[in-house]
Amino acid sequence: MNGRGFGQGRGARLACGAFTFTRAQFQRILSNFLGLEGAISVPHIHHCGGGVTRVLTQGTTNHLQVCPVLGRNSALHDAVRDALSHLVVQNGVTDAAVVETRLTAADGNTFDADVVFFDPSSRAKVILEVSIFTIGSDTSLGRGARAGLDAWGQRAAASA
């Protein structure tokens, strides 16, 4: 890259501090992670994004810790997105990077890209997408022994 790029020893810091939890929140997260029954009565009706209403069971109440509507991952996502945007500019990869840019895909559908910039040497558009994964998410808990009977039953019904 002609002396440009990430190897120059400059770092980017996340603008999002460490998360702090109350005792009750920590107990709920730990109980969900360990697969223990918690204090939320089930079934629990949860109103999620886009007008979606979810009925949470004992096996899926972990969603409350990671729900984007409740803001759990939004601050961290935005901090990582902004750090990447600054990183590519500060390290000379590009002269400018934009965040949350509406783009049109080849099939005509539009989407919001997290970070977009042009590589000056190839003139290619570079799109960076940020995803935040947590150990308490349905995806993480749905893998392995911690999935519980609810997830096993759903997988069995889907494959039938």
Protein backbone atom coordinates (compact mmCIF):
# COMPACT_ATOMS: atom_id res chain seq x y z
CA MET A 1 0.00 0.00 0.00
CA ASN A 2 2.93 2.34 -0.49
CA GLY A 3 3.52 2.88 3.23
CA ARG A 4 -0.13 3.47 3.92
CA GLY A 5 -2.52 1.34 5.89
CA PHE A 6 -3.12 -0.27 9.23
CA GLY A 7 0.50 -1.19 9.95
CA GLN A 8 1.53 2.33 10.90
CA GLY A 9 1.01 1.76 14.61
CA ARG A 10 -1.82 4.21 15.13
CA GLY A 11 -4.79 2.92 17.03
CA ALA A 12 -8.45 3.67 17.21
CA ARG A 13 -10.35 3.72 20.46
CA LEU A 14 -13.95 2.88 20.96
CA ALA A 15 -16.03 5.83 22.09
CA CYS A 16 -18.17 3.47 24.13
CA GLY A 17 -17.12 2.79 27.69
CA ALA A 18 -17.40 -0.46 29.58
CA PHE A 19 -20.93 -1.56 30.39
CA THR A 20 -21.95 -1.58 34.01
CA PHE A 21 -24.78 -3.68 35.32
CA THR A 22 -26.90 -3.54 38.43
CA ARG A 23 -26.86 -6.64 40.60
CA ALA A 24 -30.28 -7.67 39.23
CA GLN A 25 -29.16 -7.22 35.60
CA PHE A 26 -25.98 -9.21 36.17
CA GLN A 27 -27.94 -11.97 37.90
CA ARG A 28 -30.37 -12.15 34.95
CA ILE A 29 -27.54 -12.28 32.37
CA LEU A 30 -25.64 -14.92 34.33
CA SER A 31 -28.81 -16.99 34.85
CA ASN A 32 -29.56 -16.89 31.12
CA PHE A 33 -25.98 -17.77 30.20
CA LEU A 34 -26.00 -20.76 32.55
CA GLY A 35 -29.46 -21.84 31.44
CA LEU A 36 -31.04 -21.32 34.88
CA GLU A 37 -34.64 -20.28 35.33
CA GLY A 38 -35.01 -16.59 36.06
CA ALA A 39 -37.39 -14.13 37.65
CA ILE A 40 -39.27 -13.24 34.45
CA SER A 41 -42.62 -14.96 34.29
CA VAL A 42 -43.16 -16.80 31.03
CA PRO A 43 -44.64 -16.62 28.54
CA HIS A 44 -43.50 -12.99 28.37
CA ILE A 45 -44.92 -10.63 25.71
CA HIS A 46 -42.19 -8.38 24.26
CA HIS A 47 -42.75 -5.60 21.73
CA CYS A 48 -39.70 -5.54 19.50
CA GLY A 49 -38.69 -3.36 16.54
CA GLY A 50 -40.80 -2.87 13.44
CA GLY A 51 -44.06 -3.53 15.27
CA VAL A 52 -43.12 -7.15 15.95
CA THR A 53 -44.52 -8.76 19.10
CA ARG A 54 -42.59 -11.76 20.38
CA VAL A 55 -43.77 -14.28 22.93
CA LEU A 56 -40.69 -15.17 24.93
CA THR A 57 -40.34 -18.54 26.65
CA GLN A 58 -37.87 -19.54 29.34
CA GLY A 59 -35.46 -20.51 26.57
CA THR A 60 -35.70 -17.17 24.74
CA THR A 61 -35.94 -14.53 27.50
CA ASN A 62 -32.25 -13.83 26.88
CA HIS A 63 -33.46 -11.63 24.00
CA LEU A 64 -34.25 -8.93 26.58
CA GLN A 65 -30.51 -8.47 27.24
CA VAL A 66 -29.58 -8.07 23.59
CA CYS A 67 -32.68 -6.47 22.07
CA PRO A 68 -31.66 -3.55 19.84
CA VAL A 69 -34.91 -1.76 20.70
CA LEU A 70 -33.75 -1.68 24.33
CA GLY A 71 -30.42 -0.25 23.14
CA ARG A 72 -28.11 -3.02 24.33
CA ASN A 73 -25.97 -3.40 21.20
CA SER A 74 -26.69 -0.08 19.50
CA ALA A 75 -24.12 2.01 21.39
CA LEU A 76 -21.37 -0.56 20.91
CA HIS A 77 -22.23 -1.02 17.20
CA ASP A 78 -22.06 2.73 16.61
CA ALA A 79 -18.78 3.03 18.54
CA VAL A 80 -17.14 0.28 16.46
CA ARG A 81 -18.54 1.78 13.24
CA ASP A 82 -17.16 5.24 14.12
CA ALA A 83 -13.80 3.80 15.18
CA LEU A 84 -13.46 1.98 11.84
CA SER A 85 -14.37 5.14 9.96
CA HIS A 86 -11.70 7.14 11.79
CA LEU A 87 -9.18 4.29 11.52
CA VAL A 88 -9.20 4.14 7.71
CA VAL A 89 -8.81 7.92 7.43
CA GLN A 90 -6.20 8.37 10.19
CA ASN A 91 -4.08 5.54 8.82
CA GLY A 92 -4.06 6.92 5.29
CA VAL A 93 -6.14 4.18 3.68
CA THR A 94 -8.46 6.83 2.24
CA ASP A 95 -9.04 10.57 2.47
CA ALA A 96 -12.66 10.33 3.63
CA ALA A 97 -15.08 7.71 4.95
CA VAL A 98 -18.81 8.11 5.46
CA VAL A 99 -21.03 6.28 7.95
CA GLU A 100 -24.64 5.09 7.57
CA THR A 101 -24.81 5.66 3.83
CA ARG A 102 -27.81 4.57 1.76
CA LEU A 103 -26.60 2.49 -1.20
CA THR A 104 -28.35 0.68 -4.03
CA ALA A 105 -27.47 -2.96 -4.68
CA ALA A 106 -27.21 -4.49 -8.16
CA ASP A 107 -30.75 -5.88 -7.83
CA GLY A 108 -32.13 -2.38 -7.16
CA ASN A 109 -32.75 -2.85 -3.44
CA THR A 110 -31.36 -0.23 -1.10
CA PHE A 111 -29.50 -0.79 2.16
CA ASP A 112 -27.64 1.29 4.74
CA ALA A 113 -23.91 0.59 4.78
CA ASP A 114 -22.06 1.18 8.05
CA VAL A 115 -18.83 2.60 6.58
CA VAL A 116 -18.17 3.46 2.93
CA PHE A 117 -14.98 4.80 1.35
CA PHE A 118 -13.12 4.70 -1.96
CA ASP A 119 -9.71 3.05 -2.26
CA PRO A 120 -7.62 5.71 -4.02
CA SER A 121 -5.31 3.22 -5.75
CA SER A 122 -7.99 0.95 -7.27
CA ARG A 123 -10.89 3.44 -7.15
CA ALA A 124 -13.04 0.63 -5.78
CA LYS A 125 -15.87 1.36 -3.38
CA VAL A 126 -15.18 -0.37 -0.06
CA ILE A 127 -18.09 -1.18 2.25
CA LEU A 128 -17.54 -2.18 5.87
CA GLU A 129 -20.41 -3.71 7.84
CA VAL A 130 -20.34 -4.02 11.63
CA SER A 131 -22.08 -6.81 13.51
CA ILE A 132 -22.06 -7.18 17.28
CA PHE A 133 -22.44 -10.66 18.76
CA THR A 134 -23.03 -11.35 22.42
CA ILE A 135 -22.90 -14.57 24.39
CA GLY A 136 -26.48 -13.99 25.49
CA SER A 137 -27.97 -13.74 21.99
CA ASP A 138 -30.33 -16.34 20.56
CA THR A 139 -27.68 -17.20 17.97
CA SER A 140 -24.97 -17.86 20.55
CA LEU A 141 -27.23 -19.70 22.97
CA GLY A 142 -28.74 -21.72 20.12
CA ARG A 143 -25.41 -23.40 19.50
CA GLY A 144 -24.38 -26.24 21.74
CA ALA A 145 -25.70 -27.60 25.00
CA ARG A 146 -26.97 -24.26 26.30
CA ALA A 147 -29.69 -24.17 23.64
CA GLY A 148 -32.17 -25.96 25.88
CA LEU A 149 -35.28 -27.90 24.98
CA ASP A 150 -37.05 -24.94 23.35
CA ALA A 151 -34.33 -24.56 20.72
CA TRP A 152 -34.08 -28.32 20.20
CA GLY A 153 -37.84 -28.55 19.65
CA GLN A 154 -37.80 -25.65 17.19
CA ARG A 155 -34.94 -27.22 15.19
CA ALA A 156 -36.68 -30.62 15.16
CA ALA A 157 -39.98 -29.07 14.00
CA ALA A 158 -38.20 -27.09 11.27
CA SER A 159 -36.47 -30.17 9.87
CA ALA A 160 -39.65 -32.29 9.85
